Amino acid sequence: MSARGAPSRRRPAGRRLRDLPTGSFPFLLLLLLLCIQLGGGQKKKENLLAEKVEQLMEWSSRRSIFRMNGDKFRKFIKAPPRNYSMIVMFTALQPQRQCSVCRQANEEYQILANSWRYSSAFCNKLFFSMVDYDEGTDVFQQLNMNSAPTFMHFPPKGRPKRADTFDLQRIGFAAEQLAKWIADRTDIHIRVFRPPNYSGTIALALLVSLVGGLLYLRRNNLEFIYNKTGWAMVSLSYIHGSSQAQFVAESHIILVLNAAITMGMVLLNEAATSKGDVGKRRIICLVGLGLVVFFFSFLLSIFRSKYHGYPYSDLDFE
């Protein structure tokens, strides 16, 4: 039979290991142990990450912002593994610190965290925490931080960059501005929901009720409202009729009128520049406008009574 037609002789598979060099067995054993160790280490890392996320979710279910000391900060924020973003407010809320800005920033931070916690988009990719100076002095020292309040974003991987520190001095600490900054850093958009504030509405309702009640009690005799002589008598009692003299009480009245006008201007500015609830801003605007119009008209009428012949007026109190 020719060489081409001769059957090929295969070496038994059991003999292959015996044919390997003697020194390769320790290498294979070491490689096997290394693979087992790497697999075990990866499994341990996944279990550790799952435990951290589970703990953070449990804290978030009880409160939107959880406080951290040095140990918790190092375990849940600094130490890997981590697949979530953490927003941290470094503050000093203890009364002896006398940080009024910290309390104001904390209110806005609470509004933002509550908006995220109770939104339909809430997930385990973003958490809110706080480190108080008196509870985590070592954390402030570790980060070389000497001012409060400060907002920082700690990304899932790597160290925080310069943009991960919120520019509070330039932007302010309104919840809407914080939400925009978080969206830039994490691609997670938070719609801010502010709790309704009915204090202005209640105060206005009480004032209207009081005036309405007084008018109702005097409903049969409302001529006093249109009695110019009565208003003039009140003016003559405390307002000097000449521009060359002035009573002491008149000085106090002018001071109060100017203070009321100034308060009205402040309220108008607050309504125009604040970022609060629209309904509250509308009420503040109406109150401020009412103060300016009413008390400026009163001041103008006093001016007319002292400078006879002055042609201009607003609301006629004479």
C-alpha atoms as a PDB file:
ATOM      1  CA  MET A   1       0.000   0.000   0.000  1.00  0.00           C
ATOM      2  CA  SER A   2       1.292   3.413  -0.908  1.00  0.00           C
ATOM      3  CA  ALA A   3       2.170   6.058   1.688  1.00  0.00           C
ATOM      4  CA  ARG A   4      -0.883   8.100   0.651  1.00  0.00           C
ATOM      5  CA  GLY A   5      -3.254   5.228   1.301  1.00  0.00           C
ATOM      6  CA  ALA A   6      -1.635   4.213   4.585  1.00  0.00           C
ATOM      7  CA  PRO A   7      -3.850   4.880   7.619  1.00  0.00           C
ATOM      8  CA  SER A   8      -2.643   7.726   9.866  1.00  0.00           C
ATOM      9  CA  ARG A   9      -1.595   6.832  13.366  1.00  0.00           C
ATOM     10  CA  ARG A  10      -3.124   9.117  15.995  1.00  0.00           C
ATOM     11  CA  ARG A  11      -1.498   9.472  19.364  1.00  0.00           C
ATOM     12  CA  PRO A  12      -3.804   8.694  22.259  1.00  0.00           C
ATOM     13  CA  ALA A  13      -5.168  11.792  24.018  1.00  0.00           C
ATOM     14  CA  GLY A  14      -4.148  10.445  27.384  1.00  0.00           C
ATOM     15  CA  ARG A  15      -0.506  10.621  26.414  1.00  0.00           C
ATOM     16  CA  ARG A  16      -0.481  14.358  25.606  1.00  0.00           C
ATOM     17  CA  LEU A  17      -0.133  15.494  29.215  1.00  0.00           C
ATOM     18  CA  ARG A  18       2.655  12.982  29.694  1.00  0.00           C
ATOM     19  CA  ASP A  19       4.468  14.454  26.712  1.00  0.00           C
ATOM     20  CA  LEU A  20       4.486  17.968  28.250  1.00  0.00           C
ATOM     21  CA  PRO A  21       7.687  19.124  29.899  1.00  0.00           C
ATOM     22  CA  THR A  22       7.835  18.468  33.606  1.00  0.00           C
ATOM     23  CA  GLY A  23       8.357  22.178  34.481  1.00  0.00           C
ATOM     24  CA  SER A  24       5.057  23.288  32.834  1.00  0.00           C
ATOM     25  CA  PHE A  25       2.802  21.680  35.495  1.00  0.00           C
ATOM     26  CA  PRO A  26       3.523  24.291  38.183  1.00  0.00           C
ATOM     27  CA  PHE A  27       2.889  27.039  35.638  1.00  0.00           C
ATOM     28  CA  LEU A  28      -0.505  25.581  34.691  1.00  0.00           C
ATOM     29  CA  LEU A  29      -1.393  25.164  38.353  1.00  0.00           C
ATOM     30  CA  LEU A  30      -0.428  28.783  39.082  1.00  0.00           C
ATOM     31  CA  LEU A  31      -2.477  29.992  36.109  1.00  0.00           C
ATOM     32  CA  LEU A  32      -5.481  28.021  37.317  1.00  0.00           C
ATOM     33  CA  LEU A  33      -5.190  29.453  40.827  1.00  0.00           C
ATOM     34  CA  LEU A  34      -4.846  32.967  39.409  1.00  0.00           C
ATOM     35  CA  CYS A  35      -8.031  32.591  37.355  1.00  0.00           C
ATOM     36  CA  ILE A  36      -9.903  31.318  40.381  1.00  0.00           C
ATOM     37  CA  GLN A  37      -8.618  34.203  42.481  1.00  0.00           C
ATOM     38  CA  LEU A  38      -9.556  36.807  39.863  1.00  0.00           C
ATOM     39  CA  GLY A  39     -13.016  35.340  39.538  1.00  0.00           C
ATOM     40  CA  GLY A  40     -13.453  35.350  43.294  1.00  0.00           C
ATOM     41  CA  GLY A  41     -12.195  38.921  43.569  1.00  0.00           C
ATOM     42  CA  GLN A  42     -14.638  40.114  40.912  1.00  0.00           C
ATOM     43  CA  LYS A  43     -17.484  38.332  42.674  1.00  0.00           C
ATOM     44  CA  LYS A  44     -16.472  39.913  45.971  1.00  0.00           C
ATOM     45  CA  LYS A  45     -16.366  43.359  44.368  1.00  0.00           C
ATOM     46  CA  GLU A  46     -19.841  42.899  42.912  1.00  0.00           C
ATOM     47  CA  ASN A  47     -21.195  41.794  46.288  1.00  0.00           C
ATOM     48  CA  LEU A  48     -19.603  44.797  47.997  1.00  0.00           C
ATOM     49  CA  LEU A  49     -21.109  47.170  45.439  1.00  0.00           C
ATOM     50  CA  ALA A  50     -24.534  45.585  45.844  1.00  0.00           C
ATOM     51  CA  GLU A  51     -24.305  45.992  49.630  1.00  0.00           C
ATOM     52  CA  LYS A  52     -23.355  49.675  49.322  1.00  0.00           C
ATOM     53  CA  VAL A  53     -26.180  50.443  46.897  1.00  0.00           C
ATOM     54  CA  GLU A  54     -28.661  48.563  49.057  1.00  0.00           C
ATOM     55  CA  GLN A  55     -27.592  50.543  52.128  1.00  0.00           C
ATOM     56  CA  LEU A  56     -27.856  53.852  50.274  1.00  0.00           C
ATOM     57  CA  MET A  57     -31.312  52.979  48.976  1.00  0.00           C
ATOM     58  CA  GLU A  58     -32.422  52.125  52.499  1.00  0.00           C
ATOM     59  CA  TRP A  59     -31.191  55.493  53.783  1.00  0.00           C
ATOM     60  CA  SER A  60     -32.879  57.284  50.881  1.00  0.00           C
ATOM     61  CA  SER A  61     -36.188  55.605  51.682  1.00  0.00           C
ATOM     62  CA  ARG A  62     -36.101  57.216  55.133  1.00  0.00           C
ATOM     63  CA  ARG A  63     -34.797  60.674  54.195  1.00  0.00           C
ATOM     64  CA  SER A  64     -33.802  62.438  51.017  1.00  0.00           C
ATOM     65  CA  ILE A  65     -30.467  63.628  52.413  1.00  0.00           C
ATOM     66  CA  PHE A  66     -28.424  61.413  54.706  1.00  0.00           C
ATOM     67  CA  ARG A  67     -25.674  62.767  56.927  1.00  0.00           C
ATOM     68  CA  MET A  68     -22.170  61.326  56.757  1.00  0.00           C
ATOM     69  CA  ASN A  69     -19.195  61.312  59.059  1.00  0.00           C
ATOM     70  CA  GLY A  70     -15.620  60.552  58.093  1.00  0.00           C
ATOM     71  CA  ASP A  71     -15.996  56.754  58.045  1.00  0.00           C
ATOM     72  CA  LYS A  72     -19.152  56.754  55.949  1.00  0.00           C
ATOM     73  CA  PHE A  73     -17.662  59.304  53.568  1.00  0.00           C
ATOM     74  CA  ARG A  74     -14.605  57.157  52.937  1.00  0.00           C
ATOM     75  CA  LYS A  75     -16.640  53.948  52.562  1.00  0.00           C
ATOM     76  CA  PHE A  76     -19.505  55.127  50.350  1.00  0.00           C
ATOM     77  CA  ILE A  77     -17.921  58.016  48.434  1.00  0.00           C
ATOM     78  CA  LYS A  78     -14.151  57.670  48.253  1.00  0.00           C
ATOM     79  CA  ALA A  79     -13.638  53.902  48.247  1.00  0.00           C
ATOM     80  CA  PRO A  80     -14.390  51.809  45.124  1.00  0.00           C
ATOM     81  CA  PRO A  81     -16.398  50.091  43.774  1.00  0.00           C
ATOM     82  CA  ARG A  82     -19.020  52.706  42.953  1.00  0.00           C
ATOM     83  CA  ASN A  83     -21.453  52.915  40.044  1.00  0.00           C
ATOM     84  CA  TYR A  84     -23.483  55.885  41.297  1.00  0.00           C
ATOM     85  CA  SER A  85     -23.060  59.639  41.534  1.00  0.00           C
ATOM     86  CA  MET A  86     -23.069  61.345  44.921  1.00  0.00           C
ATOM     87  CA  ILE A  87     -23.915  65.004  45.532  1.00  0.00           C
ATOM     88  CA  VAL A  88     -22.434  66.183  48.826  1.00  0.00           C
ATOM     89  CA  MET A  89     -23.138  69.441  50.630  1.00  0.00           C
ATOM     90  CA  PHE A  90     -20.321  70.457  52.959  1.00  0.00           C
ATOM     91  CA  THR A  91     -21.831  72.746  55.550  1.00  0.00           C
ATOM     92  CA  ALA A  92     -21.785  73.995  59.149  1.00  0.00           C
ATOM     93  CA  LEU A  93     -25.309  73.983  60.573  1.00  0.00           C
ATOM     94  CA  GLN A  94     -24.528  74.001  64.283  1.00  0.00           C
ATOM     95  CA  PRO A  95     -25.834  77.150  66.022  1.00  0.00           C
ATOM     96  CA  GLN A  96     -22.410  78.069  67.386  1.00  0.00           C
ATOM     97  CA  ARG A  97     -21.091  78.375  63.810  1.00  0.00           C
ATOM     98  CA  GLN A  98     -23.602  81.178  63.073  1.00  0.00           C
ATOM     99  CA  CYS A  99     -23.697  80.360  59.364  1.00  0.00           C
ATOM    100  CA  SER A 100     -26.964  81.847  58.112  1.00  0.00           C
ATOM    101  CA  VAL A 101     -25.998  81.149  54.495  1.00  0.00           C
ATOM    102  CA  CYS A 102     -25.615  77.464  55.376  1.00  0.00           C
ATOM    103  CA  ARG A 103     -29.189  77.318  56.646  1.00  0.00           C
ATOM    104  CA  GLN A 104     -30.539  79.037  53.538  1.00  0.00           C
ATOM    105  CA  ALA A 105     -28.548  76.761  51.234  1.00  0.00           C
ATOM    106  CA  ASN A 106     -29.713  73.733  53.221  1.00  0.00           C
ATOM    107  CA  GLU A 107     -33.357  74.671  52.590  1.00  0.00           C
ATOM    108  CA  GLU A 108     -32.761  74.832  48.823  1.00  0.00           C
ATOM    109  CA  TYR A 109     -30.765  71.597  48.939  1.00  0.00           C
ATOM    110  CA  GLN A 110     -33.622  69.892  50.790  1.00  0.00           C
ATOM    111  CA  ILE A 111     -36.123  71.047  48.165  1.00  0.00           C
ATOM    112  CA  LEU A 112     -33.905  69.652  45.402  1.00  0.00           C
ATOM    113  CA  ALA A 113     -33.359  66.303  47.145  1.00  0.00           C
ATOM    114  CA  ASN A 114     -37.071  65.899  47.873  1.00  0.00           C
ATOM    115  CA  SER A 115     -37.882  66.680  44.245  1.00  0.00           C
ATOM    116  CA  TRP A 116     -35.564  63.853  43.162  1.00  0.00           C
ATOM    117  CA  ARG A 117     -36.668  61.420  45.862  1.00  0.00           C
ATOM    118  CA  TYR A 118     -40.372  61.682  45.031  1.00  0.00           C
ATOM    119  CA  SER A 119     -40.044  61.923  41.251  1.00  0.00           C
ATOM    120  CA  SER A 120     -40.915  59.096  38.886  1.00  0.00           C
ATOM    121  CA  ALA A 121     -37.317  59.095  37.563  1.00  0.00           C
ATOM    122  CA  PHE A 122     -35.798  58.237  40.957  1.00  0.00           C
ATOM    123  CA  CYS A 123     -33.188  55.481  40.723  1.00  0.00           C
ATOM    124  CA  ASN A 124     -30.011  54.226  42.394  1.00  0.00           C
ATOM    125  CA  LYS A 125     -27.694  56.246  40.142  1.00  0.00           C
ATOM    126  CA  LEU A 126     -27.841  59.477  42.154  1.00  0.00           C
ATOM    127  CA  PHE A 127     -27.831  60.153  45.892  1.00  0.00           C
ATOM    128  CA  PHE A 128     -27.740  63.263  48.070  1.00  0.00           C
ATOM    129  CA  SER A 129     -25.706  63.473  51.265  1.00  0.00           C
ATOM    130  CA  MET A 130     -24.348  66.041  53.686  1.00  0.00           C
ATOM    131  CA  VAL A 131     -21.166  66.405  55.710  1.00  0.00           C
ATOM    132  CA  ASP A 132     -21.333  68.809  58.635  1.00  0.00           C
ATOM    133  CA  TYR A 133     -18.087  70.331  59.810  1.00  0.00           C
ATOM    134  CA  ASP A 134     -18.682  69.304  63.418  1.00  0.00           C
ATOM    135  CA  GLU A 135     -19.407  65.700  62.368  1.00  0.00           C
ATOM    136  CA  GLY A 136     -16.706  65.292  59.716  1.00  0.00           C
ATOM    137  CA  THR A 137     -13.828  67.619  60.463  1.00  0.00           C
ATOM    138  CA  ASP A 138     -11.393  65.044  59.062  1.00  0.00           C
ATOM    139  CA  VAL A 139     -13.243  65.121  55.732  1.00  0.00           C
ATOM    140  CA  PHE A 140     -12.832  68.914  55.484  1.00  0.00           C
ATOM    141  CA  GLN A 141      -9.127  68.519  56.254  1.00  0.00           C
ATOM    142  CA  GLN A 142      -8.737  65.710  53.732  1.00  0.00           C
ATOM    143  CA  LEU A 143     -10.252  67.855  50.959  1.00  0.00           C
ATOM    144  CA  ASN A 144      -8.425  71.039  52.092  1.00  0.00           C
ATOM    145  CA  MET A 145     -11.794  72.727  52.411  1.00  0.00           C
ATOM    146  CA  ASN A 146     -12.006  75.874  54.523  1.00  0.00           C
ATOM    147  CA  SER A 147     -15.371  77.372  53.540  1.00  0.00           C
ATOM    148  CA  ALA A 148     -19.012  76.378  53.755  1.00  0.00           C
ATOM    149  CA  PRO A 149     -21.429  75.776  52.218  1.00  0.00           C
ATOM    150  CA  THR A 150     -19.864  73.918  49.283  1.00  0.00           C
ATOM    151  CA  PHE A 151     -21.531  71.514  46.845  1.00  0.00           C
ATOM    152  CA  MET A 152     -19.496  68.767  45.166  1.00  0.00           C
ATOM    153  CA  HIS A 153     -20.287  65.977  42.742  1.00  0.00           C
ATOM    154  CA  PHE A 154     -18.415  62.682  43.111  1.00  0.00           C
ATOM    155  CA  PRO A 155     -18.710  60.753  39.831  1.00  0.00           C
ATOM    156  CA  PRO A 156     -19.024  56.943  39.598  1.00  0.00           C
ATOM    157  CA  LYS A 157     -15.465  56.611  38.341  1.00  0.00           C
ATOM    158  CA  GLY A 158     -12.386  58.708  38.837  1.00  0.00           C
ATOM    159  CA  ARG A 159     -11.764  61.762  40.933  1.00  0.00           C
ATOM    160  CA  PRO A 160     -13.903  64.908  40.903  1.00  0.00           C
ATOM    161  CA  LYS A 161     -12.854  67.509  38.377  1.00  0.00           C
ATOM    162  CA  ARG A 162     -12.949  71.258  38.747  1.00  0.00           C
ATOM    163  CA  ALA A 163     -16.434  71.441  37.201  1.00  0.00           C
ATOM    164  CA  ASP A 164     -17.682  68.979  39.827  1.00  0.00           C
ATOM    165  CA  THR A 165     -17.533  71.783  42.413  1.00  0.00           C
ATOM    166  CA  PHE A 166     -20.579  74.043  42.187  1.00  0.00           C
ATOM    167  CA  ASP A 167     -19.764  77.729  41.644  1.00  0.00           C
ATOM    168  CA  LEU A 168     -21.913  79.036  44.463  1.00  0.00           C
ATOM    169  CA  GLN A 169     -20.419  82.531  44.515  1.00  0.00           C
ATOM    170  CA  ARG A 170     -21.300  83.217  40.885  1.00  0.00           C
ATOM    171  CA  ILE A 171     -24.550  81.278  40.399  1.00  0.00           C
ATOM    172  CA  GLY A 172     -26.132  81.199  43.862  1.00  0.00           C
ATOM    173  CA  PHE A 173     -27.652  78.196  45.578  1.00  0.00           C
ATOM    174  CA  ALA A 174     -31.231  78.130  44.269  1.00  0.00           C
ATOM    175  CA  ALA A 175     -32.593  74.614  43.813  1.00  0.00           C
ATOM    176  CA  GLU A 176     -33.180  75.237  40.105  1.00  0.00           C
ATOM    177  CA  GLN A 177     -29.541  76.228  39.572  1.00  0.00           C
ATOM    178  CA  LEU A 178     -28.334  73.167  41.462  1.00  0.00           C
ATOM    179  CA  ALA A 179     -30.574  70.943  39.332  1.00  0.00           C
ATOM    180  CA  LYS A 180     -29.124  72.437  36.143  1.00  0.00           C
ATOM    181  CA  TRP A 181     -25.581  71.850  37.389  1.00  0.00           C
ATOM    182  CA  ILE A 182     -26.407  68.225  38.280  1.00  0.00           C
ATOM    183  CA  ALA A 183     -27.869  67.679  34.809  1.00  0.00           C
ATOM    184  CA  ASP A 184     -24.620  68.931  33.254  1.00  0.00           C
ATOM    185  CA  ARG A 185     -22.521  66.577  35.379  1.00  0.00           C
ATOM    186  CA  THR A 186     -24.683  63.429  35.436  1.00  0.00           C
ATOM    187  CA  ASP A 187     -27.203  63.724  32.552  1.00  0.00           C
ATOM    188  CA  ILE A 188     -29.937  63.245  35.174  1.00  0.00           C
ATOM    189  CA  HIS A 189     -32.617  65.915  34.962  1.00  0.00           C
ATOM    190  CA  ILE A 190     -34.515  66.849  38.115  1.00  0.00           C
ATOM    191  CA  ARG A 191     -37.718  68.856  37.995  1.00  0.00           C
ATOM    192  CA  VAL A 192     -37.855  71.031  41.088  1.00  0.00           C
ATOM    193  CA  PHE A 193     -41.126  71.086  43.015  1.00  0.00           C
ATOM    194  CA  ARG A 194     -41.387  73.743  45.676  1.00  0.00           C
ATOM    195  CA  PRO A 195     -43.860  73.286  48.527  1.00  0.00           C
ATOM    196  CA  PRO A 196     -46.667  75.859  48.412  1.00  0.00           C
ATOM    197  CA  ASN A 197     -46.338  78.785  50.801  1.00  0.00           C
ATOM    198  CA  TYR A 198     -49.701  80.126  51.887  1.00  0.00           C
ATOM    199  CA  SER A 199     -48.440  82.680  54.412  1.00  0.00           C
ATOM    200  CA  GLY A 200     -48.847  85.625  52.022  1.00  0.00           C
ATOM    201  CA  THR A 201     -52.291  84.452  50.926  1.00  0.00           C
ATOM    202  CA  ILE A 202     -53.435  84.014  54.533  1.00  0.00           C
ATOM    203  CA  ALA A 203     -52.139  87.455  55.542  1.00  0.00           C
ATOM    204  CA  LEU A 204     -53.883  89.097  52.583  1.00  0.00           C
ATOM    205  CA  ALA A 205     -57.111  87.218  53.347  1.00  0.00           C
ATOM    206  CA  LEU A 206     -56.998  88.328  56.987  1.00  0.00           C
ATOM    207  CA  LEU A 207     -56.437  91.941  55.955  1.00  0.00           C
ATOM    208  CA  VAL A 208     -59.329  91.855  53.478  1.00  0.00           C
ATOM    209  CA  SER A 209     -61.533  90.164  56.070  1.00  0.00           C
ATOM    210  CA  LEU A 210     -60.677  92.807  58.659  1.00  0.00           C
ATOM    211  CA  VAL A 211     -61.405  95.716  56.324  1.00  0.00           C
ATOM    212  CA  GLY A 212     -64.539  94.021  55.069  1.00  0.00           C
ATOM    213  CA  GLY A 213     -65.745  93.387  58.612  1.00  0.00           C
ATOM    214  CA  LEU A 214     -65.236  97.014  59.603  1.00  0.00           C
ATOM    215  CA  LEU A 215     -67.068  98.221  56.508  1.00  0.00           C
ATOM    216  CA  TYR A 216     -69.893  95.786  57.200  1.00  0.00           C
ATOM    217  CA  LEU A 217     -70.283  97.058  60.771  1.00  0.00           C
ATOM    218  CA  ARG A 218     -70.459 100.612  59.440  1.00  0.00           C
ATOM    219  CA  ARG A 219     -72.529  99.703  56.393  1.00  0.00           C
ATOM    220  CA  ASN A 220     -75.287 102.157  57.343  1.00  0.00           C
ATOM    221  CA  ASN A 221     -72.886 105.056  57.723  1.00  0.00           C
ATOM    222  CA  LEU A 222     -70.080 105.057  55.176  1.00  0.00           C
ATOM    223  CA  GLU A 223     -69.967 108.789  54.691  1.00  0.00           C
ATOM    224  CA  PHE A 224     -66.769 108.985  56.748  1.00  0.00           C
ATOM    225  CA  ILE A 225     -64.849 107.494  53.815  1.00  0.00           C
ATOM    226  CA  TYR A 226     -65.796 110.438  51.596  1.00  0.00           C
ATOM    227  CA  ASN A 227     -65.611 113.064  54.349  1.00  0.00           C
ATOM    228  CA  LYS A 228     -62.759 115.314  53.233  1.00  0.00           C
ATOM    229  CA  THR A 229     -63.255 117.553  56.254  1.00  0.00           C
ATOM    230  CA  GLY A 230     -62.550 114.668  58.612  1.00  0.00           C
ATOM    231  CA  TRP A 231     -59.390 113.701  56.780  1.00  0.00           C
ATOM    232  CA  ALA A 232     -58.338 117.343  56.767  1.00  0.00           C
ATOM    233  CA  MET A 233     -58.865 117.608  60.529  1.00  0.00           C
ATOM    234  CA  VAL A 234     -56.643 114.604  61.052  1.00  0.00           C
ATOM    235  CA  SER A 235     -54.009 116.228  58.881  1.00  0.00           C
ATOM    236  CA  LEU A 236     -54.221 119.556  60.647  1.00  0.00           C
ATOM    237  CA  SER A 237     -53.725 117.911  64.017  1.00  0.00           C
ATOM    238  CA  TYR A 238     -50.244 116.664  63.139  1.00  0.00           C
ATOM    239  CA  ILE A 239     -49.280 118.427  59.897  1.00  0.00           C
ATOM    240  CA  HIS A 240     -48.219 122.067  59.913  1.00  0.00           C
ATOM    241  CA  GLY A 241     -49.964 124.080  57.228  1.00  0.00           C
ATOM    242  CA  SER A 242     -46.893 126.050  56.237  1.00  0.00           C
ATOM    243  CA  SER A 243     -43.811 124.999  54.335  1.00  0.00           C
ATOM    244  CA  GLN A 244     -41.684 127.034  56.748  1.00  0.00           C
ATOM    245  CA  ALA A 245     -42.398 124.903  59.829  1.00  0.00           C
ATOM    246  CA  GLN A 246     -42.884 121.273  60.843  1.00  0.00           C
ATOM    247  CA  PHE A 247     -44.273 119.524  63.920  1.00  0.00           C
ATOM    248  CA  VAL A 248     -42.292 116.814  65.708  1.00  0.00           C
ATOM    249  CA  ALA A 249     -45.092 114.342  65.075  1.00  0.00           C
ATOM    250  CA  GLU A 250     -45.036 115.364  61.422  1.00  0.00           C
ATOM    251  CA  SER A 251     -41.391 114.300  61.167  1.00  0.00           C
ATOM    252  CA  HIS A 252     -42.304 110.876  62.517  1.00  0.00           C
ATOM    253  CA  ILE A 253     -45.224 110.570  60.114  1.00  0.00           C
ATOM    254  CA  ILE A 254     -43.004 111.424  57.134  1.00  0.00           C
ATOM    255  CA  LEU A 255     -40.447 108.879  58.349  1.00  0.00           C
ATOM    256  CA  VAL A 256     -43.087 106.146  58.534  1.00  0.00           C
ATOM    257  CA  LEU A 257     -44.446 107.011  55.094  1.00  0.00           C
ATOM    258  CA  ASN A 258     -41.001 106.861  53.515  1.00  0.00           C
ATOM    259  CA  ALA A 259     -40.305 103.565  55.280  1.00  0.00           C
ATOM    260  CA  ALA A 260     -43.571 102.122  53.922  1.00  0.00           C
ATOM    261  CA  ILE A 261     -42.722 103.289  50.396  1.00  0.00           C
ATOM    262  CA  THR A 262     -39.261 101.777  50.693  1.00  0.00           C
ATOM    263  CA  MET A 263     -40.760  98.497  51.892  1.00  0.00           C
ATOM    264  CA  GLY A 264     -43.053  98.506  48.871  1.00  0.00           C
ATOM    265  CA  MET A 265     -40.092  98.984  46.522  1.00  0.00           C
ATOM    266  CA  VAL A 266     -38.202  96.166  48.236  1.00  0.00           C
ATOM    267  CA  LEU A 267     -41.188  93.842  47.804  1.00  0.00           C
ATOM    268  CA  LEU A 268     -41.489  94.770  44.126  1.00  0.00           C
ATOM    269  CA  ASN A 269     -37.795  94.026  43.605  1.00  0.00           C
ATOM    270  CA  GLU A 270     -38.138  90.731  45.467  1.00  0.00           C
ATOM    271  CA  ALA A 271     -41.101  89.717  43.309  1.00  0.00           C
ATOM    272  CA  ALA A 272     -39.155  90.527  40.137  1.00  0.00           C
ATOM    273  CA  THR A 273     -35.847  88.846  41.001  1.00  0.00           C
ATOM    274  CA  SER A 274     -36.718  85.877  43.211  1.00  0.00           C
ATOM    275  CA  LYS A 275     -36.981  82.317  41.867  1.00  0.00           C
ATOM    276  CA  GLY A 276     -39.794  81.188  44.139  1.00  0.00           C
ATOM    277  CA  ASP A 277     -43.367  80.138  43.506  1.00  0.00           C
ATOM    278  CA  VAL A 278     -45.188  82.231  40.895  1.00  0.00           C
ATOM    279  CA  GLY A 279     -48.293  82.663  43.040  1.00  0.00           C
ATOM    280  CA  LYS A 280     -46.262  83.887  45.982  1.00  0.00           C
ATOM    281  CA  ARG A 281     -44.362  86.329  43.766  1.00  0.00           C
ATOM    282  CA  ARG A 282     -47.652  87.685  42.399  1.00  0.00           C
ATOM    283  CA  ILE A 283     -48.968  88.343  45.908  1.00  0.00           C
ATOM    284  CA  ILE A 284     -45.702  90.027  46.917  1.00  0.00           C
ATOM    285  CA  CYS A 285     -45.909  92.211  43.811  1.00  0.00           C
ATOM    286  CA  LEU A 286     -49.478  93.296  44.564  1.00  0.00           C
ATOM    287  CA  VAL A 287     -48.674  94.074  48.201  1.00  0.00           C
ATOM    288  CA  GLY A 288     -45.589  96.066  47.207  1.00  0.00           C
ATOM    289  CA  LEU A 289     -47.478  97.972  44.546  1.00  0.00           C
ATOM    290  CA  GLY A 290     -50.254  98.767  47.006  1.00  0.00           C
ATOM    291  CA  LEU A 291     -47.786 100.083  49.577  1.00  0.00           C
ATOM    292  CA  VAL A 292     -46.061 102.326  47.048  1.00  0.00           C
ATOM    293  CA  VAL A 293     -49.250 103.754  45.537  1.00  0.00           C
ATOM    294  CA  PHE A 294     -51.106 104.294  48.813  1.00  0.00           C
ATOM    295  CA  PHE A 295     -48.337 105.755  50.950  1.00  0.00           C
ATOM    296  CA  PHE A 296     -46.779 107.791  48.147  1.00  0.00           C
ATOM    297  CA  SER A 297     -50.186 109.319  47.485  1.00  0.00           C
ATOM    298  CA  PHE A 298     -50.497 110.118  51.185  1.00  0.00           C
ATOM    299  CA  LEU A 299     -47.035 111.688  51.162  1.00  0.00           C
ATOM    300  CA  LEU A 300     -47.904 113.698  48.063  1.00  0.00           C
ATOM    301  CA  SER A 301     -51.103 114.987  49.660  1.00  0.00           C
ATOM    302  CA  ILE A 302     -49.120 116.205  52.682  1.00  0.00           C
ATOM    303  CA  PHE A 303     -46.750 117.964  50.308  1.00  0.00           C
ATOM    304  CA  ARG A 304     -49.701 119.654  48.567  1.00  0.00           C
ATOM    305  CA  SER A 305     -51.141 120.802  51.911  1.00  0.00           C
ATOM    306  CA  LYS A 306     -47.841 122.503  52.784  1.00  0.00           C
ATOM    307  CA  TYR A 307     -47.056 123.879  49.316  1.00  0.00           C
ATOM    308  CA  HIS A 308     -50.343 125.405  48.218  1.00  0.00           C
ATOM    309  CA  GLY A 309     -50.933 125.487  44.528  1.00  0.00           C
ATOM    310  CA  TYR A 310     -48.960 122.302  43.768  1.00  0.00           C
ATOM    311  CA  PRO A 311     -50.984 120.873  40.848  1.00  0.00           C
ATOM    312  CA  TYR A 312     -50.101 117.160  40.889  1.00  0.00           C
ATOM    313  CA  SER A 313     -51.634 114.352  42.921  1.00  0.00           C
ATOM    314  CA  ASP A 314     -52.121 110.611  42.811  1.00  0.00           C
ATOM    315  CA  LEU A 315     -54.868 109.384  45.104  1.00  0.00           C
ATOM    316  CA  ASP A 316     -56.752 112.385  46.429  1.00  0.00           C
ATOM    317  CA  PHE A 317     -56.686 112.361  50.233  1.00  0.00           C
ATOM    318  CA  GLU A 318     -57.804 115.955  50.563  1.00  0.00           C
END
